Amino acid sequence: MSKHFLVPPELSFEPIQLCNATCFMCPYTWLSKDKEYRGKKMTRDQINALIEDYAQLLKRHNAKPWTAELTPWRYSDPLVCPDLEFIFELAHKHQLKVNLTTNGVSFTEKNCKIIQKYLECVSKIHISIIGYTEEEIKEFMGVNWKVTKARLMAVKANYPEISKRMEIGVKHKNQNVDKKRRQEIASELSKITLGRVKAKNTWMTNRMGAGDGVWMPGAEFNINEKNFVQGCSMVQGKIFRKMEILVDGTAVLCCEDATKITNYGNVFEEGIEKVWKNLREEILLIYSKTYTEAKKKLICNQCSRAKGTWTANDQLMDDQSQQKFSDRTGLKLEHVDN
């Protein structure tokens, strides 16, 4: 038995395909080599239609105000989006939260003023840093750490309320950095923010098989009746509650689908509700405990996050996560047999 939302509590969309970093593990780094990809964006009319559709859907399902969340980025940096303020205006109008994850380079005075103006809309500001030294950050992310550090310190000094909302997450390409070194880095970074700092080893996923076999594992599934995908090791329940929309309005399975392998419909043409229904059917297939021919076609078979076993504890953690979001948002859960 699984718990599924009839309406996604989180809406992730790509208003523009643009970033000022070239992080080694991010699909943007290789996708942006195509000039037709880089810089492609939604129109303001499309952004407005998308958020309006979402807001009305939430209203029909009695969602609590200021609980559902917009994530205006997938592989891009939201602070380079020229329509950032417009998105915040719409979020404020419809009482929606906005989640920002950024490399921190574009914390300009202009962007700080926008965020400060709509601070009540902000659910989280996550600063993603890969590398422990200036040289490593340049190698792993392609950005100048001196610039980023200076801007984060300026935010702390001039916009303390924004700084308090920040969470700096620092990771390393090397999965075996010792705990003492991580603690030293966390202590150093805590000087440039009023928010939290997390330094940890992490594993990078292979973005549907697009890894190099060294720092990202390859596919793990040789599909047969005894070995097949039965779940996802992404953050508990995340795949159940988050809808991922590309710049052209296409909905894909999750953030691991970088090249539109999946397609559950276009929200600009069919609306969020219908497309989410299509997506939910695929999610149910992923978590099904029954081996079928359809299981062979799942893109999860190429992903290092796929799980071939699904324990009672896994199910419990997912259910608890889903219930937490249901209680917070007021959105109902549907119970479905696996």
C-alpha atoms as a PDB file:
ATOM      1  CA  MET A   1       0.000   0.000   0.000  1.00  0.00           C
ATOM      2  CA  SER A   2       1.421   3.401  -1.049  1.00  0.00           C
ATOM      3  CA  LYS A   3       0.244   6.935  -0.436  1.00  0.00           C
ATOM      4  CA  HIS A   4       0.035   9.239  -3.441  1.00  0.00           C
ATOM      5  CA  PHE A   5      -0.942  12.875  -3.869  1.00  0.00           C
ATOM      6  CA  LEU A   6      -3.772  13.742  -6.227  1.00  0.00           C
ATOM      7  CA  VAL A   7      -2.099  17.140  -6.640  1.00  0.00           C
ATOM      8  CA  PRO A   8       1.677  17.738  -6.486  1.00  0.00           C
ATOM      9  CA  PRO A   9       2.668  19.796  -3.403  1.00  0.00           C
ATOM     10  CA  GLU A  10       5.814  20.888  -5.280  1.00  0.00           C
ATOM     11  CA  LEU A  11       6.065  22.225  -8.819  1.00  0.00           C
ATOM     12  CA  SER A  12       9.527  22.334 -10.363  1.00  0.00           C
ATOM     13  CA  PHE A  13       9.893  24.147 -13.661  1.00  0.00           C
ATOM     14  CA  GLU A  14      12.662  25.547 -15.835  1.00  0.00           C
ATOM     15  CA  PRO A  15      11.847  29.182 -16.720  1.00  0.00           C
ATOM     16  CA  ILE A  16      15.170  29.496 -18.536  1.00  0.00           C
ATOM     17  CA  GLN A  17      17.928  27.100 -19.545  1.00  0.00           C
ATOM     18  CA  LEU A  18      20.867  29.124 -18.303  1.00  0.00           C
ATOM     19  CA  CYS A  19      23.526  28.850 -15.630  1.00  0.00           C
ATOM     20  CA  ASN A  20      26.759  30.661 -14.821  1.00  0.00           C
ATOM     21  CA  ALA A  21      28.491  27.498 -13.593  1.00  0.00           C
ATOM     22  CA  THR A  22      29.685  24.280 -15.207  1.00  0.00           C
ATOM     23  CA  CYS A  23      29.415  21.797 -12.337  1.00  0.00           C
ATOM     24  CA  PHE A  24      31.067  18.516 -13.206  1.00  0.00           C
ATOM     25  CA  MET A  25      28.038  16.348 -12.358  1.00  0.00           C
ATOM     26  CA  CYS A  26      25.308  18.586 -13.788  1.00  0.00           C
ATOM     27  CA  PRO A  27      23.656  17.816 -17.152  1.00  0.00           C
ATOM     28  CA  TYR A  28      23.630  21.542 -17.946  1.00  0.00           C
ATOM     29  CA  THR A  29      27.384  21.406 -18.471  1.00  0.00           C
ATOM     30  CA  TRP A  30      27.068  19.136 -21.485  1.00  0.00           C
ATOM     31  CA  LEU A  31      23.555  20.111 -22.596  1.00  0.00           C
ATOM     32  CA  SER A  32      24.567  23.774 -22.862  1.00  0.00           C
ATOM     33  CA  LYS A  33      27.166  22.955 -25.513  1.00  0.00           C
ATOM     34  CA  ASP A  34      24.184  22.969 -27.865  1.00  0.00           C
ATOM     35  CA  LYS A  35      23.566  26.635 -28.670  1.00  0.00           C
ATOM     36  CA  GLU A  36      19.867  25.960 -29.235  1.00  0.00           C
ATOM     37  CA  TYR A  37      19.584  24.659 -25.669  1.00  0.00           C
ATOM     38  CA  ARG A  38      21.425  27.443 -23.875  1.00  0.00           C
ATOM     39  CA  GLY A  39      19.246  30.449 -23.056  1.00  0.00           C
ATOM     40  CA  LYS A  40      15.928  29.008 -24.209  1.00  0.00           C
ATOM     41  CA  LYS A  41      13.183  30.333 -21.927  1.00  0.00           C
ATOM     42  CA  MET A  42       9.499  30.382 -21.129  1.00  0.00           C
ATOM     43  CA  THR A  43       7.580  33.516 -22.039  1.00  0.00           C
ATOM     44  CA  ARG A  44       5.992  35.529 -19.267  1.00  0.00           C
ATOM     45  CA  ASP A  45       2.585  34.460 -20.556  1.00  0.00           C
ATOM     46  CA  GLN A  46       3.621  30.820 -20.183  1.00  0.00           C
ATOM     47  CA  ILE A  47       4.998  31.363 -16.681  1.00  0.00           C
ATOM     48  CA  ASN A  48       1.810  33.165 -15.693  1.00  0.00           C
ATOM     49  CA  ALA A  49      -0.411  30.438 -17.200  1.00  0.00           C
ATOM     50  CA  LEU A  50       1.582  27.697 -15.473  1.00  0.00           C
ATOM     51  CA  ILE A  51       1.471  29.240 -12.003  1.00  0.00           C
ATOM     52  CA  GLU A  52      -2.177  30.308 -12.419  1.00  0.00           C
ATOM     53  CA  ASP A  53      -3.129  26.741 -13.403  1.00  0.00           C
ATOM     54  CA  TYR A  54      -1.251  25.368 -10.399  1.00  0.00           C
ATOM     55  CA  ALA A  55      -2.793  27.877  -7.999  1.00  0.00           C
ATOM     56  CA  GLN A  56      -6.332  27.111  -9.175  1.00  0.00           C
ATOM     57  CA  LEU A  57      -5.691  23.366  -8.913  1.00  0.00           C
ATOM     58  CA  LEU A  58      -4.475  23.792  -5.341  1.00  0.00           C
ATOM     59  CA  LYS A  59      -7.516  25.885  -4.533  1.00  0.00           C
ATOM     60  CA  ARG A  60      -9.901  23.205  -5.855  1.00  0.00           C
ATOM     61  CA  HIS A  61      -8.171  20.683  -3.584  1.00  0.00           C
ATOM     62  CA  ASN A  62      -8.296  22.966  -0.524  1.00  0.00           C
ATOM     63  CA  ALA A  63      -4.563  23.425  -0.101  1.00  0.00           C
ATOM     64  CA  LYS A  64      -3.506  25.598   2.806  1.00  0.00           C
ATOM     65  CA  PRO A  65      -1.990  28.954   1.805  1.00  0.00           C
ATOM     66  CA  TRP A  66       1.789  29.347   1.936  1.00  0.00           C
ATOM     67  CA  THR A  67       2.434  25.579   1.915  1.00  0.00           C
ATOM     68  CA  ALA A  68       2.706  24.432  -1.722  1.00  0.00           C
ATOM     69  CA  GLU A  69       6.044  25.227  -3.306  1.00  0.00           C
ATOM     70  CA  LEU A  70       7.451  26.492  -6.589  1.00  0.00           C
ATOM     71  CA  THR A  71      10.959  25.471  -7.590  1.00  0.00           C
ATOM     72  CA  PRO A  72      11.917  27.705 -10.540  1.00  0.00           C
ATOM     73  CA  TRP A  73      14.999  25.754 -11.577  1.00  0.00           C
ATOM     74  CA  ARG A  74      16.087  22.289 -12.659  1.00  0.00           C
ATOM     75  CA  TYR A  75      19.623  22.450 -14.036  1.00  0.00           C
ATOM     76  CA  SER A  76      19.781  26.236 -14.233  1.00  0.00           C
ATOM     77  CA  ASP A  77      20.473  28.810 -11.554  1.00  0.00           C
ATOM     78  CA  PRO A  78      17.300  30.701 -10.556  1.00  0.00           C
ATOM     79  CA  LEU A  79      19.225  33.898  -9.827  1.00  0.00           C
ATOM     80  CA  VAL A  80      20.201  34.283 -13.491  1.00  0.00           C
ATOM     81  CA  CYS A  81      16.557  34.142 -14.591  1.00  0.00           C
ATOM     82  CA  PRO A  82      15.449  37.554 -15.929  1.00  0.00           C
ATOM     83  CA  ASP A  83      11.887  36.804 -14.764  1.00  0.00           C
ATOM     84  CA  LEU A  84      12.785  36.062 -11.139  1.00  0.00           C
ATOM     85  CA  GLU A  85      10.843  39.035  -9.771  1.00  0.00           C
ATOM     86  CA  PHE A  86       7.837  38.188 -11.951  1.00  0.00           C
ATOM     87  CA  ILE A  87       7.822  34.643 -10.519  1.00  0.00           C
ATOM     88  CA  PHE A  88       7.969  36.028  -6.993  1.00  0.00           C
ATOM     89  CA  GLU A  89       5.089  38.413  -7.784  1.00  0.00           C
ATOM     90  CA  LEU A  90       2.932  35.500  -8.907  1.00  0.00           C
ATOM     91  CA  ALA A  91       3.983  33.376  -5.929  1.00  0.00           C
ATOM     92  CA  HIS A  92       3.011  36.176  -3.570  1.00  0.00           C
ATOM     93  CA  LYS A  93      -0.300  36.733  -5.349  1.00  0.00           C
ATOM     94  CA  HIS A  94      -1.228  33.056  -4.970  1.00  0.00           C
ATOM     95  CA  GLN A  95       0.375  32.553  -1.532  1.00  0.00           C
ATOM     96  CA  LEU A  96       2.954  30.033  -2.735  1.00  0.00           C
ATOM     97  CA  LYS A  97       6.419  29.356  -1.389  1.00  0.00           C
ATOM     98  CA  VAL A  98       9.536  29.566  -3.569  1.00  0.00           C
ATOM     99  CA  ASN A  99      12.544  27.276  -3.205  1.00  0.00           C
ATOM    100  CA  LEU A 100      15.878  28.664  -4.397  1.00  0.00           C
ATOM    101  CA  THR A 101      18.980  26.550  -4.946  1.00  0.00           C
ATOM    102  CA  THR A 102      21.904  28.493  -6.353  1.00  0.00           C
ATOM    103  CA  ASN A 103      25.681  28.489  -6.624  1.00  0.00           C
ATOM    104  CA  GLY A 104      25.640  31.924  -4.975  1.00  0.00           C
ATOM    105  CA  VAL A 105      27.503  33.781  -7.720  1.00  0.00           C
ATOM    106  CA  SER A 106      24.492  35.923  -8.654  1.00  0.00           C
ATOM    107  CA  PHE A 107      23.636  37.335  -5.243  1.00  0.00           C
ATOM    108  CA  THR A 108      23.778  40.790  -6.756  1.00  0.00           C
ATOM    109  CA  GLU A 109      22.287  43.882  -5.154  1.00  0.00           C
ATOM    110  CA  LYS A 110      19.351  43.648  -7.586  1.00  0.00           C
ATOM    111  CA  ASN A 111      18.572  40.045  -6.716  1.00  0.00           C
ATOM    112  CA  CYS A 112      18.957  40.679  -2.994  1.00  0.00           C
ATOM    113  CA  LYS A 113      16.382  43.478  -3.206  1.00  0.00           C
ATOM    114  CA  ILE A 114      13.952  41.161  -5.005  1.00  0.00           C
ATOM    115  CA  ILE A 115      14.370  38.388  -2.441  1.00  0.00           C
ATOM    116  CA  GLN A 116      14.125  40.829   0.463  1.00  0.00           C
ATOM    117  CA  LYS A 117      10.898  42.254  -0.968  1.00  0.00           C
ATOM    118  CA  TYR A 118       9.301  38.805  -1.195  1.00  0.00           C
ATOM    119  CA  LEU A 119      11.017  37.180   1.769  1.00  0.00           C
ATOM    120  CA  GLU A 120       7.772  35.730   3.114  1.00  0.00           C
ATOM    121  CA  CYS A 121       7.553  33.647  -0.061  1.00  0.00           C
ATOM    122  CA  VAL A 122      10.958  32.042   0.417  1.00  0.00           C
ATOM    123  CA  SER A 123      10.909  28.506   1.802  1.00  0.00           C
ATOM    124  CA  LYS A 124      14.633  27.876   1.510  1.00  0.00           C
ATOM    125  CA  ILE A 125      17.795  29.323  -0.001  1.00  0.00           C
ATOM    126  CA  HIS A 126      20.282  26.536  -0.595  1.00  0.00           C
ATOM    127  CA  ILE A 127      23.812  27.467  -1.639  1.00  0.00           C
ATOM    128  CA  SER A 128      25.455  24.553  -3.421  1.00  0.00           C
ATOM    129  CA  ILE A 129      29.251  24.415  -3.289  1.00  0.00           C
ATOM    130  CA  ILE A 130      31.392  21.585  -4.658  1.00  0.00           C
ATOM    131  CA  GLY A 131      34.991  21.600  -3.492  1.00  0.00           C
ATOM    132  CA  TYR A 132      36.930  22.577  -0.370  1.00  0.00           C
ATOM    133  CA  THR A 133      39.450  24.994  -1.851  1.00  0.00           C
ATOM    134  CA  GLU A 134      39.339  27.868  -4.333  1.00  0.00           C
ATOM    135  CA  GLU A 135      41.138  25.688  -6.881  1.00  0.00           C
ATOM    136  CA  GLU A 136      38.782  22.736  -6.405  1.00  0.00           C
ATOM    137  CA  ILE A 137      35.690  24.930  -6.710  1.00  0.00           C
ATOM    138  CA  LYS A 138      37.059  26.331  -9.952  1.00  0.00           C
ATOM    139  CA  GLU A 139      37.734  22.818 -11.244  1.00  0.00           C
ATOM    140  CA  PHE A 140      34.485  21.197 -10.095  1.00  0.00           C
ATOM    141  CA  MET A 141      32.093  24.128 -10.698  1.00  0.00           C
ATOM    142  CA  GLY A 142      33.835  26.521 -13.048  1.00  0.00           C
ATOM    143  CA  VAL A 143      33.192  29.538 -10.794  1.00  0.00           C
ATOM    144  CA  ASN A 144      35.386  32.027  -8.960  1.00  0.00           C
ATOM    145  CA  TRP A 145      35.096  31.337  -5.228  1.00  0.00           C
ATOM    146  CA  LYS A 146      36.425  34.797  -4.311  1.00  0.00           C
ATOM    147  CA  VAL A 147      33.451  36.391  -6.082  1.00  0.00           C
ATOM    148  CA  THR A 148      30.944  34.010  -4.495  1.00  0.00           C
ATOM    149  CA  LYS A 149      32.429  34.438  -1.025  1.00  0.00           C
ATOM    150  CA  ALA A 150      32.420  38.226  -1.292  1.00  0.00           C
ATOM    151  CA  ARG A 151      28.773  38.271  -2.336  1.00  0.00           C
ATOM    152  CA  LEU A 152      27.681  35.939   0.446  1.00  0.00           C
ATOM    153  CA  MET A 153      29.516  38.109   2.978  1.00  0.00           C
ATOM    154  CA  ALA A 154      27.777  41.175   1.528  1.00  0.00           C
ATOM    155  CA  VAL A 155      24.417  39.452   1.966  1.00  0.00           C
ATOM    156  CA  LYS A 156      25.292  38.704   5.589  1.00  0.00           C
ATOM    157  CA  ALA A 157      26.246  42.334   6.218  1.00  0.00           C
ATOM    158  CA  ASN A 158      23.482  44.104   4.281  1.00  0.00           C
ATOM    159  CA  TYR A 159      20.621  41.596   4.147  1.00  0.00           C
ATOM    160  CA  PRO A 160      20.830  39.584   7.388  1.00  0.00           C
ATOM    161  CA  GLU A 161      17.277  38.248   7.060  1.00  0.00           C
ATOM    162  CA  ILE A 162      18.202  36.660   3.729  1.00  0.00           C
ATOM    163  CA  SER A 163      21.428  35.284   5.180  1.00  0.00           C
ATOM    164  CA  LYS A 164      19.475  33.652   8.012  1.00  0.00           C
ATOM    165  CA  ARG A 165      17.426  31.718   5.438  1.00  0.00           C
ATOM    166  CA  MET A 166      20.531  30.324   3.766  1.00  0.00           C
ATOM    167  CA  GLU A 167      21.753  26.784   3.997  1.00  0.00           C
ATOM    168  CA  ILE A 168      25.216  26.257   2.548  1.00  0.00           C
ATOM    169  CA  GLY A 169      25.734  22.699   1.401  1.00  0.00           C
ATOM    170  CA  VAL A 170      29.344  21.881   0.550  1.00  0.00           C
ATOM    171  CA  LYS A 171      30.275  18.590  -1.074  1.00  0.00           C
ATOM    172  CA  HIS A 172      33.358  17.083  -2.619  1.00  0.00           C
ATOM    173  CA  LYS A 173      34.058  14.981  -5.677  1.00  0.00           C
ATOM    174  CA  ASN A 174      36.101  12.671  -3.474  1.00  0.00           C
ATOM    175  CA  GLN A 175      33.705  10.487  -1.507  1.00  0.00           C
ATOM    176  CA  ASN A 176      36.311   9.640   1.140  1.00  0.00           C
ATOM    177  CA  VAL A 177      37.092  13.019   2.712  1.00  0.00           C
ATOM    178  CA  ASP A 178      37.475  12.467   6.452  1.00  0.00           C
ATOM    179  CA  LYS A 179      35.056  13.869   9.003  1.00  0.00           C
ATOM    180  CA  LYS A 180      37.608  16.225  10.588  1.00  0.00           C
ATOM    181  CA  ARG A 181      38.285  17.936   7.255  1.00  0.00           C
ATOM    182  CA  ARG A 182      34.553  18.337   6.629  1.00  0.00           C
ATOM    183  CA  GLN A 183      34.100  19.899  10.056  1.00  0.00           C
ATOM    184  CA  GLU A 184      36.927  22.353   9.371  1.00  0.00           C
ATOM    185  CA  ILE A 185      35.291  23.431   6.117  1.00  0.00           C
ATOM    186  CA  ALA A 186      31.902  23.821   7.791  1.00  0.00           C
ATOM    187  CA  SER A 187      33.444  25.986  10.512  1.00  0.00           C
ATOM    188  CA  GLU A 188      35.152  28.177   7.912  1.00  0.00           C
ATOM    189  CA  LEU A 189      31.986  28.651   5.858  1.00  0.00           C
ATOM    190  CA  SER A 190      29.904  29.471   8.936  1.00  0.00           C
ATOM    191  CA  LYS A 191      31.738  32.815   9.049  1.00  0.00           C
ATOM    192  CA  ILE A 192      30.091  34.006   5.820  1.00  0.00           C
ATOM    193  CA  THR A 193      26.456  33.229   6.623  1.00  0.00           C
ATOM    194  CA  LEU A 194      23.917  33.589   9.407  1.00  0.00           C
ATOM    195  CA  GLY A 195      22.307  30.362   8.268  1.00  0.00           C
ATOM    196  CA  ARG A 196      23.336  26.732   8.469  1.00  0.00           C
ATOM    197  CA  VAL A 197      26.291  24.948   6.892  1.00  0.00           C
ATOM    198  CA  LYS A 198      26.408  21.270   5.976  1.00  0.00           C
ATOM    199  CA  ALA A 199      29.627  19.648   4.811  1.00  0.00           C
ATOM    200  CA  LYS A 200      29.296  16.015   3.895  1.00  0.00           C
ATOM    201  CA  ASN A 201      30.421  13.266   1.607  1.00  0.00           C
ATOM    202  CA  THR A 202      27.834  12.536  -0.987  1.00  0.00           C
ATOM    203  CA  TRP A 203      27.356  10.198  -3.877  1.00  0.00           C
ATOM    204  CA  MET A 204      26.552  11.551  -7.297  1.00  0.00           C
ATOM    205  CA  THR A 205      23.954   9.877  -9.442  1.00  0.00           C
ATOM    206  CA  ASN A 206      24.476   8.909 -13.031  1.00  0.00           C
ATOM    207  CA  ARG A 207      21.627  10.954 -14.553  1.00  0.00           C
ATOM    208  CA  MET A 208      19.983   8.007 -16.283  1.00  0.00           C
ATOM    209  CA  GLY A 209      23.208   6.300 -17.247  1.00  0.00           C
ATOM    210  CA  ALA A 210      25.148   9.394 -18.299  1.00  0.00           C
ATOM    211  CA  GLY A 211      28.037   8.762 -15.914  1.00  0.00           C
ATOM    212  CA  ASP A 212      31.667   8.031 -16.628  1.00  0.00           C
ATOM    213  CA  GLY A 213      31.798   4.912 -14.475  1.00  0.00           C
ATOM    214  CA  VAL A 214      34.302   6.488 -12.090  1.00  0.00           C
ATOM    215  CA  TRP A 215      32.629   9.180 -10.003  1.00  0.00           C
ATOM    216  CA  MET A 216      29.129   8.069 -11.010  1.00  0.00           C
ATOM    217  CA  PRO A 217      28.046   4.422 -10.941  1.00  0.00           C
ATOM    218  CA  GLY A 218      26.568   2.791 -13.991  1.00  0.00           C
ATOM    219  CA  ALA A 219      23.278   0.962 -14.340  1.00  0.00           C
ATOM    220  CA  GLU A 220      22.785  -1.804 -11.813  1.00  0.00           C
ATOM    221  CA  PHE A 221      19.854  -3.719 -13.237  1.00  0.00           C
ATOM    222  CA  ASN A 222      19.940  -6.747 -15.505  1.00  0.00           C
ATOM    223  CA  ILE A 223      16.183  -7.067 -15.709  1.00  0.00           C
ATOM    224  CA  ASN A 224      14.569 -10.427 -15.025  1.00  0.00           C
ATOM    225  CA  GLU A 225      11.795 -11.917 -12.889  1.00  0.00           C
ATOM    226  CA  LYS A 226      13.981 -11.858  -9.782  1.00  0.00           C
ATOM    227  CA  ASN A 227      15.730  -8.548 -10.314  1.00  0.00           C
ATOM    228  CA  PHE A 228      13.693  -5.488 -11.251  1.00  0.00           C
ATOM    229  CA  VAL A 229      13.065  -1.941 -10.102  1.00  0.00           C
ATOM    230  CA  GLN A 230      10.693  -1.672  -7.141  1.00  0.00           C
ATOM    231  CA  GLY A 231      11.352   1.829  -5.882  1.00  0.00           C
ATOM    232  CA  CYS A 232      13.588   4.885  -5.749  1.00  0.00           C
ATOM    233  CA  SER A 233      16.266   5.855  -3.245  1.00  0.00           C
ATOM    234  CA  MET A 234      15.744   9.572  -3.800  1.00  0.00           C
ATOM    235  CA  VAL A 235      14.766  11.626  -0.729  1.00  0.00           C
ATOM    236  CA  GLN A 236      11.874   9.775   0.895  1.00  0.00           C
ATOM    237  CA  GLY A 237       8.646  10.362  -0.995  1.00  0.00           C
ATOM    238  CA  LYS A 238      10.131  13.020  -3.278  1.00  0.00           C
ATOM    239  CA  ILE A 239       9.190  11.346  -6.532  1.00  0.00           C
ATOM    240  CA  PHE A 240       5.581  11.062  -5.311  1.00  0.00           C
ATOM    241  CA  ARG A 241       5.063  14.745  -4.687  1.00  0.00           C
ATOM    242  CA  LYS A 242       7.172  16.741  -7.128  1.00  0.00           C
ATOM    243  CA  MET A 243       6.270  17.509 -10.739  1.00  0.00           C
ATOM    244  CA  GLU A 244       9.150  18.316 -13.088  1.00  0.00           C
ATOM    245  CA  ILE A 245       8.429  20.590 -16.064  1.00  0.00           C
ATOM    246  CA  LEU A 246      10.866  21.474 -18.842  1.00  0.00           C
ATOM    247  CA  VAL A 247      11.125  24.851 -20.530  1.00  0.00           C
ATOM    248  CA  ASP A 248       8.781  23.743 -23.337  1.00  0.00           C
ATOM    249  CA  GLY A 249       6.092  22.588 -20.891  1.00  0.00           C
ATOM    250  CA  THR A 250       6.869  18.874 -21.107  1.00  0.00           C
ATOM    251  CA  ALA A 251       6.553  16.955 -17.836  1.00  0.00           C
ATOM    252  CA  VAL A 252       9.238  14.326 -17.201  1.00  0.00           C
ATOM    253  CA  LEU A 253       9.555  11.704 -14.490  1.00  0.00           C
ATOM    254  CA  CYS A 254      12.102  13.342 -12.219  1.00  0.00           C
ATOM    255  CA  CYS A 255      15.216  15.510 -11.991  1.00  0.00           C
ATOM    256  CA  GLU A 256      17.357  12.617 -13.225  1.00  0.00           C
ATOM    257  CA  ASP A 257      15.776  12.777 -16.689  1.00  0.00           C
ATOM    258  CA  ALA A 258      18.007  15.333 -18.367  1.00  0.00           C
ATOM    259  CA  THR A 259      17.245  14.588 -21.999  1.00  0.00           C
ATOM    260  CA  LYS A 260      13.458  14.179 -22.081  1.00  0.00           C
ATOM    261  CA  ILE A 261      13.513  10.406 -22.262  1.00  0.00           C
ATOM    262  CA  THR A 262      10.100  10.447 -20.591  1.00  0.00           C
ATOM    263  CA  ASN A 263       7.121  12.539 -21.643  1.00  0.00           C
ATOM    264  CA  TYR A 264       3.831  12.547 -19.750  1.00  0.00           C
ATOM    265  CA  GLY A 265       2.256  15.417 -21.616  1.00  0.00           C
ATOM    266  CA  ASN A 266       2.581  19.166 -21.989  1.00  0.00           C
ATOM    267  CA  VAL A 267       1.169  21.333 -19.219  1.00  0.00           C
ATOM    268  CA  PHE A 268       0.717  24.307 -21.554  1.00  0.00           C
ATOM    269  CA  GLU A 269      -1.510  22.204 -23.791  1.00  0.00           C
ATOM    270  CA  GLU A 270      -3.206  19.773 -21.380  1.00  0.00           C
ATOM    271  CA  GLY A 271      -2.981  21.395 -17.959  1.00  0.00           C
ATOM    272  CA  ILE A 272      -1.212  20.251 -14.799  1.00  0.00           C
ATOM    273  CA  GLU A 273      -4.004  18.038 -13.467  1.00  0.00           C
ATOM    274  CA  LYS A 274      -4.199  15.776 -16.522  1.00  0.00           C
ATOM    275  CA  VAL A 275      -0.439  15.509 -16.937  1.00  0.00           C
ATOM    276  CA  TRP A 276       0.054  14.735 -13.235  1.00  0.00           C
ATOM    277  CA  LYS A 277      -2.439  11.888 -13.593  1.00  0.00           C
ATOM    278  CA  ASN A 278      -0.317  10.431 -16.401  1.00  0.00           C
ATOM    279  CA  LEU A 279       2.806  10.802 -14.276  1.00  0.00           C
ATOM    280  CA  ARG A 280       1.224   9.122 -11.252  1.00  0.00           C
ATOM    281  CA  GLU A 281       0.519   6.013 -13.323  1.00  0.00           C
ATOM    282  CA  GLU A 282       4.237   5.699 -14.069  1.00  0.00           C
ATOM    283  CA  ILE A 283       5.153   6.212 -10.413  1.00  0.00           C
ATOM    284  CA  LEU A 284       2.766   3.401  -9.451  1.00  0.00           C
ATOM    285  CA  LEU A 285       4.487   1.169 -12.003  1.00  0.00           C
ATOM    286  CA  ILE A 286       7.918   1.985 -10.537  1.00  0.00           C
ATOM    287  CA  TYR A 287       6.786   0.966  -7.047  1.00  0.00           C
ATOM    288  CA  SER A 288       4.839  -2.091  -8.136  1.00  0.00           C
ATOM    289  CA  LYS A 289       6.123  -5.342  -6.614  1.00  0.00           C
ATOM    290  CA  THR A 290       4.977  -7.323  -9.658  1.00  0.00           C
ATOM    291  CA  TYR A 291       7.304  -8.068 -12.556  1.00  0.00           C
ATOM    292  CA  THR A 292       5.816  -7.072 -15.901  1.00  0.00           C
ATOM    293  CA  GLU A 293       7.017  -6.336 -19.418  1.00  0.00           C
ATOM    294  CA  ALA A 294       6.413  -2.641 -18.712  1.00  0.00           C
ATOM    295  CA  LYS A 295       9.087  -2.818 -16.012  1.00  0.00           C
ATOM    296  CA  LYS A 296      11.687  -3.474 -18.726  1.00  0.00           C
ATOM    297  CA  LYS A 297      10.959  -0.096 -20.315  1.00  0.00           C
ATOM    298  CA  LEU A 298      11.421   2.045 -17.193  1.00  0.00           C
ATOM    299  CA  ILE A 299      14.226   4.574 -17.469  1.00  0.00           C
ATOM    300  CA  CYS A 300      14.915   3.784 -13.836  1.00  0.00           C
ATOM    301  CA  ASN A 301      16.738   0.705 -15.108  1.00  0.00           C
ATOM    302  CA  GLN A 302      19.579   3.032 -16.125  1.00  0.00           C
ATOM    303  CA  CYS A 303      19.653   5.022 -12.888  1.00  0.00           C
ATOM    304  CA  SER A 304      21.852   4.425  -9.849  1.00  0.00           C
ATOM    305  CA  ARG A 305      19.033   5.639  -7.584  1.00  0.00           C
ATOM    306  CA  ALA A 306      16.726   2.784  -8.555  1.00  0.00           C
ATOM    307  CA  LYS A 307      16.025   0.192  -5.879  1.00  0.00           C
ATOM    308  CA  GLY A 308      15.596  -3.493  -6.612  1.00  0.00           C
ATOM    309  CA  THR A 309      14.144  -4.235  -3.191  1.00  0.00           C
ATOM    310  CA  TRP A 310      11.581  -2.312  -1.211  1.00  0.00           C
ATOM    311  CA  THR A 311      11.410  -3.165   2.469  1.00  0.00           C
ATOM    312  CA  ALA A 312       8.666  -2.492   4.973  1.00  0.00           C
ATOM    313  CA  ASN A 313      10.923   0.161   6.499  1.00  0.00           C
ATOM    314  CA  ASP A 314      11.350   1.864   3.110  1.00  0.00           C
ATOM    315  CA  GLN A 315       7.578   1.943   2.754  1.00  0.00           C
ATOM    316  CA  LEU A 316       7.136   3.286   6.269  1.00  0.00           C
ATOM    317  CA  MET A 317       9.606   6.126   5.670  1.00  0.00           C
ATOM    318  CA  ASP A 318       7.922   7.077   2.395  1.00  0.00           C
ATOM    319  CA  ASP A 319       4.480   6.983   3.989  1.00  0.00           C
ATOM    320  CA  GLN A 320       5.627   9.121   6.904  1.00  0.00           C
ATOM    321  CA  SER A 321       7.148  11.652   4.515  1.00  0.00           C
ATOM    322  CA  GLN A 322       3.968  11.779   2.451  1.00  0.00           C
ATOM    323  CA  GLN A 323       1.794  12.178   5.523  1.00  0.00           C
ATOM    324  CA  LYS A 324       3.972  15.016   6.769  1.00  0.00           C
ATOM    325  CA  PHE A 325       3.451  16.912   3.517  1.00  0.00           C
ATOM    326  CA  SER A 326      -0.264  16.126   3.565  1.00  0.00           C
ATOM    327  CA  ASP A 327      -0.646  17.507   7.091  1.00  0.00           C
ATOM    328  CA  ARG A 328       1.336  20.614   6.172  1.00  0.00           C
ATOM    329  CA  THR A 329      -0.417  21.420   2.893  1.00  0.00           C
ATOM    330  CA  GLY A 330      -3.907  20.076   3.519  1.00  0.00           C
ATOM    331  CA  LEU A 331      -3.689  18.078   0.282  1.00  0.00           C
ATOM    332  CA  LYS A 332      -5.228  14.622   0.505  1.00  0.00           C
ATOM    333  CA  LEU A 333      -3.448  11.344  -0.105  1.00  0.00           C
ATOM    334  CA  GLU A 334      -4.815   8.429  -2.077  1.00  0.00           C
ATOM    335  CA  HIS A 335      -3.972   4.934  -0.827  1.00  0.00           C
ATOM    336  CA  VAL A 336      -2.989   2.581  -3.625  1.00  0.00           C
ATOM    337  CA  ASP A 337      -2.160  -1.120  -3.513  1.00  0.00           C
ATOM    338  CA  ASN A 338       1.263  -2.017  -4.881  1.00  0.00           C
END
